[in-house]
Full PDB file with SEQRES, HELIX, SHEET, SSBOND, CRYST1, ORIGX, SCALE, CONECT and MASTER records, all heavy atoms in Angstrom:
SEQRES   1 A   40  ALA PHE VAL TYR VAL VAL SER SER ASN ALA ILE THR GLY          
SEQRES   2 A   40  GLY GLN ASN SER ILE GLU ASP THR GLN LYS GLN TYR PHE          
SEQRES   3 A   40  GLN LYS ILE LYS ASP MET SER LEU LYS ASN PRO VAL VAL          
SEQRES   4 A   40  ILE                                                          
HELIX    1 AA1 ASP A   20  ASP A   31  1                                  12    
SHEET    1 AA1 2 VAL A   3  TYR A   4  0                                        
SHEET    2 AA1 2 VAL A  38  VAL A  39  1                                        
CRYST1    1.000    1.000    1.000  90.00  90.00  90.00 P 1           1          
ORIGX1      1.000000  0.000000  0.000000        0.00000                         
ORIGX2      0.000000  1.000000  0.000000        0.00000                         
ORIGX3      0.000000  0.000000  1.000000        0.00000                         
SCALE1      1.000000  0.000000  0.000000        0.00000                         
SCALE2      0.000000  1.000000  0.000000        0.00000                         
SCALE3      0.000000  0.000000  1.000000        0.00000                         
ATOM      1  N   ALA A   1     -18.757  -4.716  71.503  1.00  0.00           N  
ATOM      2  CA  ALA A   1     -18.562  -4.163  70.162  1.00  0.00           C  
ATOM      3  C   ALA A   1     -19.815  -4.583  69.332  1.00  0.00           C  
ATOM      4  O   ALA A   1     -20.880  -3.911  69.377  1.00  0.00           O  
ATOM      5  CB  ALA A   1     -17.338  -4.726  69.564  1.00  0.00           C  
ATOM      6  N   PHE A   2     -19.700  -5.638  68.603  1.00  0.00           N  
ATOM      7  CA  PHE A   2     -20.840  -6.155  67.872  1.00  0.00           C  
ATOM      8  C   PHE A   2     -20.713  -7.698  67.859  1.00  0.00           C  
ATOM      9  O   PHE A   2     -19.725  -8.273  68.147  1.00  0.00           O  
ATOM     10  CB  PHE A   2     -20.912  -5.633  66.392  1.00  0.00           C  
ATOM     11  CG  PHE A   2     -19.778  -5.980  65.543  1.00  0.00           C  
ATOM     12  CD1 PHE A   2     -19.725  -7.135  64.797  1.00  0.00           C  
ATOM     13  CD2 PHE A   2     -18.649  -5.092  65.420  1.00  0.00           C  
ATOM     14  CE1 PHE A   2     -18.664  -7.461  63.908  1.00  0.00           C  
ATOM     15  CE2 PHE A   2     -17.615  -5.400  64.581  1.00  0.00           C  
ATOM     16  CZ  PHE A   2     -17.581  -6.570  63.836  1.00  0.00           C  
ATOM     17  N   VAL A   3     -21.816  -8.373  67.578  1.00  0.00           N  
ATOM     18  CA  VAL A   3     -21.820  -9.838  67.406  1.00  0.00           C  
ATOM     19  C   VAL A   3     -21.845 -10.125  65.959  1.00  0.00           C  
ATOM     20  O   VAL A   3     -22.663  -9.632  65.176  1.00  0.00           O  
ATOM     21  CB  VAL A   3     -23.075 -10.436  68.094  1.00  0.00           C  
ATOM     22  CG1 VAL A   3     -23.129 -11.926  67.871  1.00  0.00           C  
ATOM     23  CG2 VAL A   3     -23.042 -10.119  69.586  1.00  0.00           C  
ATOM     24  N   TYR A   4     -20.856 -10.928  65.534  1.00  0.00           N  
ATOM     25  CA  TYR A   4     -20.723 -11.277  64.110  1.00  0.00           C  
ATOM     26  C   TYR A   4     -21.526 -12.538  63.915  1.00  0.00           C  
ATOM     27  O   TYR A   4     -21.210 -13.623  64.392  1.00  0.00           O  
ATOM     28  CB  TYR A   4     -19.198 -11.577  63.823  1.00  0.00           C  
ATOM     29  CG  TYR A   4     -18.818 -11.824  62.461  1.00  0.00           C  
ATOM     30  CD1 TYR A   4     -17.688 -11.171  61.876  1.00  0.00           C  
ATOM     31  CD2 TYR A   4     -19.535 -12.614  61.592  1.00  0.00           C  
ATOM     32  CE1 TYR A   4     -17.268 -11.381  60.582  1.00  0.00           C  
ATOM     33  CE2 TYR A   4     -19.133 -12.872  60.271  1.00  0.00           C  
ATOM     34  CZ  TYR A   4     -17.995 -12.199  59.757  1.00  0.00           C  
ATOM     35  OH  TYR A   4     -17.618 -12.427  58.489  1.00  0.00           O  
ATOM     36  N   VAL A   5     -22.629 -12.407  63.122  1.00  0.00           N  
ATOM     37  CA  VAL A   5     -23.492 -13.469  62.823  1.00  0.00           C  
ATOM     38  C   VAL A   5     -23.025 -14.144  61.467  1.00  0.00           C  
ATOM     39  O   VAL A   5     -23.076 -13.529  60.459  1.00  0.00           O  
ATOM     40  CB  VAL A   5     -24.929 -13.017  62.662  1.00  0.00           C  
ATOM     41  CG1 VAL A   5     -25.866 -14.155  62.262  1.00  0.00           C  
ATOM     42  CG2 VAL A   5     -25.403 -12.446  63.993  1.00  0.00           C  
ATOM     43  N   VAL A   6     -22.372 -15.328  61.560  1.00  0.00           N  
ATOM     44  CA  VAL A   6     -22.081 -16.080  60.397  1.00  0.00           C  
ATOM     45  C   VAL A   6     -23.327 -16.585  59.795  1.00  0.00           C  
ATOM     46  O   VAL A   6     -24.064 -17.339  60.392  1.00  0.00           O  
ATOM     47  CB  VAL A   6     -21.072 -17.229  60.764  1.00  0.00           C  
ATOM     48  CG1 VAL A   6     -20.682 -18.051  59.572  1.00  0.00           C  
ATOM     49  CG2 VAL A   6     -19.824 -16.676  61.445  1.00  0.00           C  
ATOM     50  N   SER A   7     -23.554 -16.260  58.530  1.00  0.00           N  
ATOM     51  CA  SER A   7     -24.858 -16.539  57.920  1.00  0.00           C  
ATOM     52  C   SER A   7     -25.191 -17.995  57.638  1.00  0.00           C  
ATOM     53  O   SER A   7     -26.334 -18.389  57.530  1.00  0.00           O  
ATOM     54  CB  SER A   7     -24.958 -15.740  56.596  1.00  0.00           C  
ATOM     55  OG  SER A   7     -24.054 -16.267  55.632  1.00  0.00           O  
ATOM     56  N   SER A   8     -24.074 -18.832  57.482  1.00  0.00           N  
ATOM     57  CA  SER A   8     -24.345 -20.223  57.208  1.00  0.00           C  
ATOM     58  C   SER A   8     -23.069 -21.013  57.450  1.00  0.00           C  
ATOM     59  O   SER A   8     -22.049 -20.457  57.885  1.00  0.00           O  
ATOM     60  CB  SER A   8     -24.737 -20.378  55.691  1.00  0.00           C  
ATOM     61  OG  SER A   8     -23.618 -20.156  54.916  1.00  0.00           O  
ATOM     62  N   ASN A   9     -23.133 -22.288  57.182  1.00  0.00           N  
ATOM     63  CA  ASN A   9     -21.948 -23.130  57.299  1.00  0.00           C  
ATOM     64  C   ASN A   9     -21.093 -23.074  56.040  1.00  0.00           C  
ATOM     65  O   ASN A   9     -20.052 -23.787  55.991  1.00  0.00           O  
ATOM     66  CB  ASN A   9     -22.403 -24.615  57.532  1.00  0.00           C  
ATOM     67  CG  ASN A   9     -23.112 -24.729  58.863  1.00  0.00           C  
ATOM     68  OD1 ASN A   9     -22.773 -23.991  59.824  1.00  0.00           O  
ATOM     69  ND2 ASN A   9     -24.040 -25.656  58.959  1.00  0.00           N  
ATOM     70  N   ALA A  10     -21.476 -22.341  55.040  1.00  0.00           N  
ATOM     71  CA  ALA A  10     -20.696 -22.251  53.823  1.00  0.00           C  
ATOM     72  C   ALA A  10     -19.378 -21.456  54.039  1.00  0.00           C  
ATOM     73  O   ALA A  10     -19.265 -20.759  55.033  1.00  0.00           O  
ATOM     74  CB  ALA A  10     -21.516 -21.590  52.724  1.00  0.00           C  
ATOM     75  N   ILE A  11     -18.477 -21.532  53.106  1.00  0.00           N  
ATOM     76  CA  ILE A  11     -17.301 -20.719  53.269  1.00  0.00           C  
ATOM     77  C   ILE A  11     -17.613 -19.294  52.805  1.00  0.00           C  
ATOM     78  O   ILE A  11     -18.598 -19.029  52.075  1.00  0.00           O  
ATOM     79  CB  ILE A  11     -16.106 -21.259  52.368  1.00  0.00           C  
ATOM     80  CG1 ILE A  11     -16.527 -21.300  50.906  1.00  0.00           C  
ATOM     81  CG2 ILE A  11     -15.684 -22.636  52.875  1.00  0.00           C  
ATOM     82  CD1 ILE A  11     -15.356 -21.584  49.955  1.00  0.00           C  
ATOM     83  N   THR A  12     -16.822 -18.337  53.303  1.00  0.00           N  
ATOM     84  CA  THR A  12     -17.093 -16.942  52.949  1.00  0.00           C  
ATOM     85  C   THR A  12     -16.951 -16.793  51.418  1.00  0.00           C  
ATOM     86  O   THR A  12     -16.024 -17.315  50.811  1.00  0.00           O  
ATOM     87  CB  THR A  12     -16.176 -15.990  53.707  1.00  0.00           C  
ATOM     88  OG1 THR A  12     -16.535 -14.630  53.423  1.00  0.00           O  
ATOM     89  CG2 THR A  12     -14.696 -16.226  53.394  1.00  0.00           C  
ATOM     90  N   GLY A  13     -17.894 -16.002  50.867  1.00  0.00           N  
ATOM     91  CA  GLY A  13     -17.841 -15.712  49.429  1.00  0.00           C  
ATOM     92  C   GLY A  13     -18.331 -16.843  48.569  1.00  0.00           C  
ATOM     93  O   GLY A  13     -18.409 -16.724  47.358  1.00  0.00           O  
ATOM     94  N   GLY A  14     -18.806 -17.987  49.135  1.00  0.00           N  
ATOM     95  CA  GLY A  14     -19.147 -19.111  48.411  1.00  0.00           C  
ATOM     96  C   GLY A  14     -20.624 -19.273  48.108  1.00  0.00           C  
ATOM     97  O   GLY A  14     -21.029 -20.197  47.346  1.00  0.00           O  
ATOM     98  N   GLN A  15     -21.498 -18.462  48.708  1.00  0.00           N  
ATOM     99  CA  GLN A  15     -22.867 -18.603  48.487  1.00  0.00           C  
ATOM    100  C   GLN A  15     -23.382 -17.738  47.331  1.00  0.00           C  
ATOM    101  O   GLN A  15     -22.806 -16.753  46.966  1.00  0.00           O  
ATOM    102  CB  GLN A  15     -23.613 -18.153  49.729  1.00  0.00           C  
ATOM    103  CG  GLN A  15     -23.471 -19.092  50.900  1.00  0.00           C  
ATOM    104  CD  GLN A  15     -24.173 -18.498  52.074  1.00  0.00           C  
ATOM    105  OE1 GLN A  15     -23.516 -18.009  53.061  1.00  0.00           O  
ATOM    106  NE2 GLN A  15     -25.485 -18.615  52.067  1.00  0.00           N  
ATOM    107  N   ASN A  16     -24.524 -18.175  46.778  1.00  0.00           N  
ATOM    108  CA  ASN A  16     -25.145 -17.388  45.704  1.00  0.00           C  
ATOM    109  C   ASN A  16     -26.293 -16.462  46.188  1.00  0.00           C  
ATOM    110  O   ASN A  16     -26.534 -15.416  45.569  1.00  0.00           O  
ATOM    111  CB  ASN A  16     -25.628 -18.299  44.594  1.00  0.00           C  
ATOM    112  CG  ASN A  16     -24.500 -18.959  43.846  1.00  0.00           C  
ATOM    113  OD1 ASN A  16     -23.451 -18.329  43.691  1.00  0.00           O  
ATOM    114  ND2 ASN A  16     -24.680 -20.190  43.437  1.00  0.00           N  
ATOM    115  N   SER A  17     -26.979 -16.837  47.220  1.00  0.00           N  
ATOM    116  CA  SER A  17     -28.109 -16.068  47.726  1.00  0.00           C  
ATOM    117  C   SER A  17     -28.318 -16.422  49.182  1.00  0.00           C  
ATOM    118  O   SER A  17     -27.788 -17.337  49.742  1.00  0.00           O  
ATOM    119  CB  SER A  17     -29.322 -16.338  46.887  1.00  0.00           C  
ATOM    120  OG  SER A  17     -29.747 -17.681  47.082  1.00  0.00           O  
ATOM    121  N   ILE A  18     -29.256 -15.651  49.782  1.00  0.00           N  
ATOM    122  CA  ILE A  18     -29.611 -15.904  51.184  1.00  0.00           C  
ATOM    123  C   ILE A  18     -30.913 -16.724  51.154  1.00  0.00           C  
ATOM    124  O   ILE A  18     -31.916 -16.290  50.550  1.00  0.00           O  
ATOM    125  CB  ILE A  18     -29.753 -14.613  51.960  1.00  0.00           C  
ATOM    126  CG1 ILE A  18     -28.364 -13.955  52.087  1.00  0.00           C  
ATOM    127  CG2 ILE A  18     -30.344 -14.855  53.348  1.00  0.00           C  
ATOM    128  CD1 ILE A  18     -28.407 -12.636  52.810  1.00  0.00           C  
ATOM    129  N   GLU A  19     -30.866 -17.874  51.715  1.00  0.00           N  
ATOM    130  CA  GLU A  19     -32.005 -18.871  51.697  1.00  0.00           C  
ATOM    131  C   GLU A  19     -32.993 -18.539  52.830  1.00  0.00           C  
ATOM    132  O   GLU A  19     -32.664 -17.882  53.787  1.00  0.00           O  
ATOM    133  CB  GLU A  19     -31.452 -20.276  51.806  1.00  0.00           C  
ATOM    134  CG  GLU A  19     -30.458 -20.649  50.799  1.00  0.00           C  
ATOM    135  CD  GLU A  19     -31.006 -20.696  49.366  1.00  0.00           C  
ATOM    136  OE1 GLU A  19     -32.132 -21.064  49.181  1.00  0.00           O  
ATOM    137  OE2 GLU A  19     -30.221 -20.373  48.415  1.00  0.00           O  
ATOM    138  N   ASP A  20     -34.192 -19.138  52.701  1.00  0.00           N  
ATOM    139  CA  ASP A  20     -35.214 -18.921  53.706  1.00  0.00           C  
ATOM    140  C   ASP A  20     -34.802 -19.451  55.096  1.00  0.00           C  
ATOM    141  O   ASP A  20     -35.136 -18.800  56.108  1.00  0.00           O  
ATOM    142  CB  ASP A  20     -36.514 -19.646  53.280  1.00  0.00           C  
ATOM    143  CG  ASP A  20     -37.300 -18.886  52.165  1.00  0.00           C  
ATOM    144  OD1 ASP A  20     -37.000 -17.684  51.967  1.00  0.00           O  
ATOM    145  OD2 ASP A  20     -38.070 -19.506  51.508  1.00  0.00           O  
ATOM    146  N   THR A  21     -34.029 -20.552  55.170  1.00  0.00           N  
ATOM    147  CA  THR A  21     -33.576 -21.027  56.475  1.00  0.00           C  
ATOM    148  C   THR A  21     -32.629 -20.041  57.140  1.00  0.00           C  
ATOM    149  O   THR A  21     -32.681 -19.877  58.342  1.00  0.00           O  
ATOM    150  CB  THR A  21     -32.880 -22.408  56.336  1.00  0.00           C  
ATOM    151  OG1 THR A  21     -31.811 -22.266  55.411  1.00  0.00           O  
ATOM    152  CG2 THR A  21     -33.831 -23.487  55.930  1.00  0.00           C  
ATOM    153  N   GLN A  22     -31.880 -19.352  56.339  1.00  0.00           N  
ATOM    154  CA  GLN A  22     -30.965 -18.294  56.889  1.00  0.00           C  
ATOM    155  C   GLN A  22     -31.813 -17.110  57.381  1.00  0.00           C  
ATOM    156  O   GLN A  22     -31.526 -16.561  58.467  1.00  0.00           O  
ATOM    157  CB  GLN A  22     -29.967 -17.802  55.837  1.00  0.00           C  
ATOM    158  CG  GLN A  22     -28.939 -18.874  55.440  1.00  0.00           C  
ATOM    159  CD  GLN A  22     -28.177 -18.452  54.266  1.00  0.00           C  
ATOM    160  OE1 GLN A  22     -28.689 -18.561  53.128  1.00  0.00           O  
ATOM    161  NE2 GLN A  22     -26.997 -17.959  54.487  1.00  0.00           N  
ATOM    162  N   LYS A  23     -32.816 -16.732  56.622  1.00  0.00           N  
ATOM    163  CA  LYS A  23     -33.703 -15.645  57.078  1.00  0.00           C  
ATOM    164  C   LYS A  23     -34.376 -15.955  58.449  1.00  0.00           C  
ATOM    165  O   LYS A  23     -34.500 -15.114  59.290  1.00  0.00           O  
ATOM    166  CB  LYS A  23     -34.731 -15.279  55.995  1.00  0.00           C  
ATOM    167  CG  LYS A  23     -34.144 -14.679  54.742  1.00  0.00           C  
ATOM    168  CD  LYS A  23     -35.190 -14.482  53.679  1.00  0.00           C  
ATOM    169  CE  LYS A  23     -34.559 -14.033  52.353  1.00  0.00           C  
ATOM    170  NZ  LYS A  23     -35.590 -13.924  51.302  1.00  0.00           N  
ATOM    171  N   GLN A  24     -34.763 -17.218  58.582  1.00  0.00           N  
ATOM    172  CA  GLN A  24     -35.351 -17.632  59.828  1.00  0.00           C  
ATOM    173  C   GLN A  24     -34.354 -17.516  60.970  1.00  0.00           C  
ATOM    174  O   GLN A  24     -34.633 -17.041  62.102  1.00  0.00           O  
ATOM    175  CB  GLN A  24     -35.902 -19.034  59.733  1.00  0.00           C  
ATOM    176  CG  GLN A  24     -37.074 -19.226  58.828  1.00  0.00           C  
ATOM    177  CD  GLN A  24     -37.398 -20.675  58.487  1.00  0.00           C  
ATOM    178  OE1 GLN A  24     -36.789 -21.600  59.001  1.00  0.00           O  
ATOM    179  NE2 GLN A  24     -38.339 -20.854  57.570  1.00  0.00           N  
ATOM    180  N   TYR A  25     -33.119 -17.902  60.713  1.00  0.00           N  
ATOM    181  CA  TYR A  25     -32.001 -17.781  61.705  1.00  0.00           C  
ATOM    182  C   TYR A  25     -31.840 -16.281  62.037  1.00  0.00           C  
ATOM    183  O   TYR A  25     -31.672 -15.935  63.227  1.00  0.00           O  
ATOM    184  CB  TYR A  25     -30.755 -18.436  61.109  1.00  0.00           C  
ATOM    185  CG  TYR A  25     -29.479 -18.107  61.717  1.00  0.00           C  
ATOM    186  CD1 TYR A  25     -29.203 -18.222  63.063  1.00  0.00           C  
ATOM    187  CD2 TYR A  25     -28.452 -17.684  60.867  1.00  0.00           C  
ATOM    188  CE1 TYR A  25     -27.931 -17.905  63.540  1.00  0.00           C  
ATOM    189  CE2 TYR A  25     -27.192 -17.421  61.326  1.00  0.00           C  
ATOM    190  CZ  TYR A  25     -26.927 -17.499  62.712  1.00  0.00           C  
ATOM    191  OH  TYR A  25     -25.673 -17.204  63.195  1.00  0.00           O  
ATOM    192  N   PHE A  26     -31.745 -15.463  60.995  1.00  0.00           N  
ATOM    193  CA  PHE A  26     -31.529 -14.027  61.228  1.00  0.00           C  
ATOM    194  C   PHE A  26     -32.691 -13.434  62.101  1.00  0.00           C  
ATOM    195  O   PHE A  26     -32.427 -12.632  62.966  1.00  0.00           O  
ATOM    196  CB  PHE A  26     -31.491 -13.213  59.908  1.00  0.00           C  
ATOM    197  CG  PHE A  26     -30.371 -13.663  58.965  1.00  0.00           C  
ATOM    198  CD1 PHE A  26     -30.393 -13.368  57.665  1.00  0.00           C  
ATOM    199  CD2 PHE A  26     -29.224 -14.330  59.477  1.00  0.00           C  
ATOM    200  CE1 PHE A  26     -29.400 -13.712  56.768  1.00  0.00           C  
ATOM    201  CE2 PHE A  26     -28.208 -14.731  58.602  1.00  0.00           C  
ATOM    202  CZ  PHE A  26     -28.283 -14.403  57.260  1.00  0.00           C  
ATOM    203  N   GLN A  27     -33.908 -13.888  61.740  1.00  0.00           N  
ATOM    204  CA  GLN A  27     -35.057 -13.369  62.590  1.00  0.00           C  
ATOM    205  C   GLN A  27     -35.009 -13.813  63.979  1.00  0.00           C  
ATOM    206  O   GLN A  27     -35.297 -13.031  64.867  1.00  0.00           O  
ATOM    207  CB  GLN A  27     -36.382 -13.832  61.889  1.00  0.00           C  
ATOM    208  CG  GLN A  27     -37.565 -13.202  62.558  1.00  0.00           C  
ATOM    209  CD  GLN A  27     -37.670 -11.690  62.344  1.00  0.00           C  
ATOM    210  OE1 GLN A  27     -37.532 -11.187  61.265  1.00  0.00           O  
ATOM    211  NE2 GLN A  27     -37.847 -10.969  63.472  1.00  0.00           N  
ATOM    212  N   LYS A  28     -34.528 -15.058  64.206  1.00  0.00           N  
ATOM    213  CA  LYS A  28     -34.353 -15.563  65.580  1.00  0.00           C  
ATOM    214  C   LYS A  28     -33.408 -14.650  66.360  1.00  0.00           C  
ATOM    215  O   LYS A  28     -33.668 -14.270  67.550  1.00  0.00           O  
ATOM    216  CB  LYS A  28     -33.825 -17.001  65.537  1.00  0.00           C  
ATOM    217  CG  LYS A  28     -33.447 -17.569  66.870  1.00  0.00           C  
ATOM    218  CD  LYS A  28     -32.765 -18.937  66.717  1.00  0.00           C  
ATOM    219  CE  LYS A  28     -31.948 -19.153  67.961  1.00  0.00           C  
ATOM    220  NZ  LYS A  28     -31.064 -20.278  67.832  1.00  0.00           N  
ATOM    221  N   ILE A  29     -32.287 -14.337  65.742  1.00  0.00           N  
ATOM    222  CA  ILE A  29     -31.301 -13.495  66.405  1.00  0.00           C  
ATOM    223  C   ILE A  29     -31.866 -12.095  66.632  1.00  0.00           C  
ATOM    224  O   ILE A  29     -31.711 -11.501  67.738  1.00  0.00           O  
ATOM    225  CB  ILE A  29     -29.979 -13.399  65.558  1.00  0.00           C  
ATOM    226  CG1 ILE A  29     -29.379 -14.752  65.324  1.00  0.00           C  
ATOM    227  CG2 ILE A  29     -29.009 -12.444  66.222  1.00  0.00           C  
ATOM    228  CD1 ILE A  29     -29.075 -15.523  66.559  1.00  0.00           C  
ATOM    229  N   LYS A  30     -32.521 -11.528  65.615  1.00  0.00           N  
ATOM    230  CA  LYS A  30     -33.149 -10.224  65.775  1.00  0.00           C  
ATOM    231  C   LYS A  30     -34.167 -10.197  66.896  1.00  0.00           C  
ATOM    232  O   LYS A  30     -34.187  -9.251  67.693  1.00  0.00           O  
ATOM    233  CB  LYS A  30     -33.848  -9.843  64.482  1.00  0.00           C  
ATOM    234  CG  LYS A  30     -34.398  -8.455  64.456  1.00  0.00           C  
ATOM    235  CD  LYS A  30     -34.919  -8.062  63.091  1.00  0.00           C  
ATOM    236  CE  LYS A  30     -35.443  -6.665  63.059  1.00  0.00           C  
ATOM    237  NZ  LYS A  30     -35.911  -6.283  61.670  1.00  0.00           N  
ATOM    238  N   ASP A  31     -34.973 -11.264  67.018  1.00  0.00           N  
ATOM    239  CA  ASP A  31     -35.981 -11.353  68.078  1.00  0.00           C  
ATOM    240  C   ASP A  31     -35.377 -11.494  69.501  1.00  0.00           C  
ATOM    241  O   ASP A  31     -36.069 -11.232  70.473  1.00  0.00           O  
ATOM    242  CB  ASP A  31     -36.910 -12.537  67.848  1.00  0.00           C  
ATOM    243  CG  ASP A  31     -37.849 -12.276  66.650  1.00  0.00           C  
ATOM    244  OD1 ASP A  31     -37.921 -11.144  66.142  1.00  0.00           O  
ATOM    245  OD2 ASP A  31     -38.359 -13.317  66.134  1.00  0.00           O  
ATOM    246  N   MET A  32     -34.107 -11.827  69.590  1.00  0.00           N  
ATOM    247  CA  MET A  32     -33.433 -12.000  70.842  1.00  0.00           C  
ATOM    248  C   MET A  32     -33.154 -10.617  71.459  1.00  0.00           C  
ATOM    249  O   MET A  32     -32.832 -10.565  72.688  1.00  0.00           O  
ATOM    250  CB  MET A  32     -32.177 -12.814  70.733  1.00  0.00           C  
ATOM    251  CG  MET A  32     -32.407 -14.265  70.436  1.00  0.00           C  
ATOM    252  SD  MET A  32     -30.883 -15.234  70.253  1.00  0.00           S  
ATOM    253  CE  MET A  32     -30.269 -15.252  71.945  1.00  0.00           C  
ATOM    254  N   SER A  33     -33.171  -9.559  70.721  1.00  0.00           N  
ATOM    255  CA  SER A  33     -32.983  -8.204  71.196  1.00  0.00           C  
ATOM    256  C   SER A  33     -31.645  -8.067  72.032  1.00  0.00           C  
ATOM    257  O   SER A  33     -31.618  -7.688  73.189  1.00  0.00           O  
ATOM    258  CB  SER A  33     -34.117  -7.686  72.056  1.00  0.00           C  
ATOM    259  OG  SER A  33     -35.302  -7.697  71.313  1.00  0.00           O  
ATOM    260  N   LEU A  34     -30.561  -8.414  71.353  1.00  0.00           N  
ATOM    261  CA  LEU A  34     -29.262  -8.434  72.033  1.00  0.00           C  
ATOM    262  C   LEU A  34     -28.856  -7.008  72.330  1.00  0.00           C  
ATOM    263  O   LEU A  34     -29.303  -6.083  71.670  1.00  0.00           O  
ATOM    264  CB  LEU A  34     -28.268  -9.127  71.104  1.00  0.00           C  
ATOM    265  CG  LEU A  34     -28.507 -10.589  70.781  1.00  0.00           C  
ATOM    266  CD1 LEU A  34     -27.456 -11.109  69.828  1.00  0.00           C  
ATOM    267  CD2 LEU A  34     -28.606 -11.476  72.014  1.00  0.00           C  
ATOM    268  N   LYS A  35     -27.999  -6.824  73.352  1.00  0.00           N  
ATOM    269  CA  LYS A  35     -27.596  -5.488  73.745  1.00  0.00           C  
ATOM    270  C   LYS A  35     -26.587  -4.900  72.739  1.00  0.00           C  
ATOM    271  O   LYS A  35     -26.517  -3.725  72.599  1.00  0.00           O  
ATOM    272  CB  LYS A  35     -26.988  -5.485  75.154  1.00  0.00           C  
ATOM    273  CG  LYS A  35     -25.589  -6.077  75.277  1.00  0.00           C  
ATOM    274  CD  LYS A  35     -25.005  -5.900  76.639  1.00  0.00           C  
ATOM    275  CE  LYS A  35     -23.656  -6.546  76.749  1.00  0.00           C  
ATOM    276  NZ  LYS A  35     -22.487  -5.702  76.536  1.00  0.00           N  
ATOM    277  N   ASN A  36     -25.876  -5.775  72.075  1.00  0.00           N  
ATOM    278  CA  ASN A  36     -24.865  -5.288  71.095  1.00  0.00           C  
ATOM    279  C   ASN A  36     -25.456  -5.315  69.642  1.00  0.00           C  
ATOM    280  O   ASN A  36     -26.323  -6.101  69.386  1.00  0.00           O  
ATOM    281  CB  ASN A  36     -23.648  -6.279  71.082  1.00  0.00           C  
ATOM    282  CG  ASN A  36     -22.817  -6.104  72.388  1.00  0.00           C  
ATOM    283  OD1 ASN A  36     -22.171  -5.094  72.554  1.00  0.00           O  
ATOM    284  ND2 ASN A  36     -22.886  -7.069  73.243  1.00  0.00           N  
ATOM    285  N   PRO A  37     -24.887  -4.426  68.799  1.00  0.00           N  
ATOM    286  CA  PRO A  37     -25.327  -4.505  67.400  1.00  0.00           C  
ATOM    287  C   PRO A  37     -24.987  -5.854  66.825  1.00  0.00           C  
ATOM    288  O   PRO A  37     -24.049  -6.598  67.273  1.00  0.00           O  
ATOM    289  CB  PRO A  37     -24.459  -3.385  66.711  1.00  0.00           C  
ATOM    290  CG  PRO A  37     -23.998  -2.590  67.862  1.00  0.00           C  
ATOM    291  CD  PRO A  37     -23.901  -3.386  69.060  1.00  0.00           C  
ATOM    292  N   VAL A  38     -25.740  -6.254  65.855  1.00  0.00           N  
ATOM    293  CA  VAL A  38     -25.601  -7.575  65.194  1.00  0.00           C  
ATOM    294  C   VAL A  38     -25.186  -7.254  63.754  1.00  0.00           C  
ATOM    295  O   VAL A  38     -25.810  -6.426  63.070  1.00  0.00           O  
ATOM    296  CB  VAL A  38     -26.914  -8.377  65.234  1.00  0.00           C  
ATOM    297  CG1 VAL A  38     -26.837  -9.560  64.373  1.00  0.00           C  
ATOM    298  CG2 VAL A  38     -27.248  -8.738  66.669  1.00  0.00           C  
ATOM    299  N   VAL A  39     -24.148  -7.896  63.252  1.00  0.00           N  
ATOM    300  CA  VAL A  39     -23.648  -7.722  61.865  1.00  0.00           C  
ATOM    301  C   VAL A  39     -23.570  -9.102  61.241  1.00  0.00           C  
ATOM    302  O   VAL A  39     -22.991  -9.986  61.825  1.00  0.00           O  
ATOM    303  CB  VAL A  39     -22.309  -6.971  61.874  1.00  0.00           C  
ATOM    304  CG1 VAL A  39     -21.821  -6.738  60.463  1.00  0.00           C  
ATOM    305  CG2 VAL A  39     -22.382  -5.653  62.601  1.00  0.00           C  
ATOM    306  N   ILE A  40     -24.107  -9.266  60.045  1.00  0.00           N  
ATOM    307  CA  ILE A  40     -24.129 -10.503  59.386  1.00  0.00           C  
ATOM    308  C   ILE A  40     -23.010 -10.600  58.344  1.00  0.00           C  
ATOM    309  O   ILE A  40     -22.807  -9.597  57.636  1.00  0.00           O  
ATOM    310  CB  ILE A  40     -25.495 -10.729  58.685  1.00  0.00           C  
ATOM    311  CG1 ILE A  40     -26.619 -10.815  59.759  1.00  0.00           C  
ATOM    312  CG2 ILE A  40     -25.463 -12.041  57.869  1.00  0.00           C  
ATOM    313  CD1 ILE A  40     -28.037 -10.851  59.192  1.00  0.00           C  
TER     314      ILE A  40                                                      
MASTER        0    0    0    1    2    0    0    6  313    1    0    4          
END                                                                             
């Protein structure tokens, strides 16, 4: 189906913005070229 990428250790709906460390994590996942779609 798809891989659900949890953006951080925060609770859902509790964050104010996406931080640089999260963007680095997202880029790492993107660079892995997974076979399934990735949804954050």
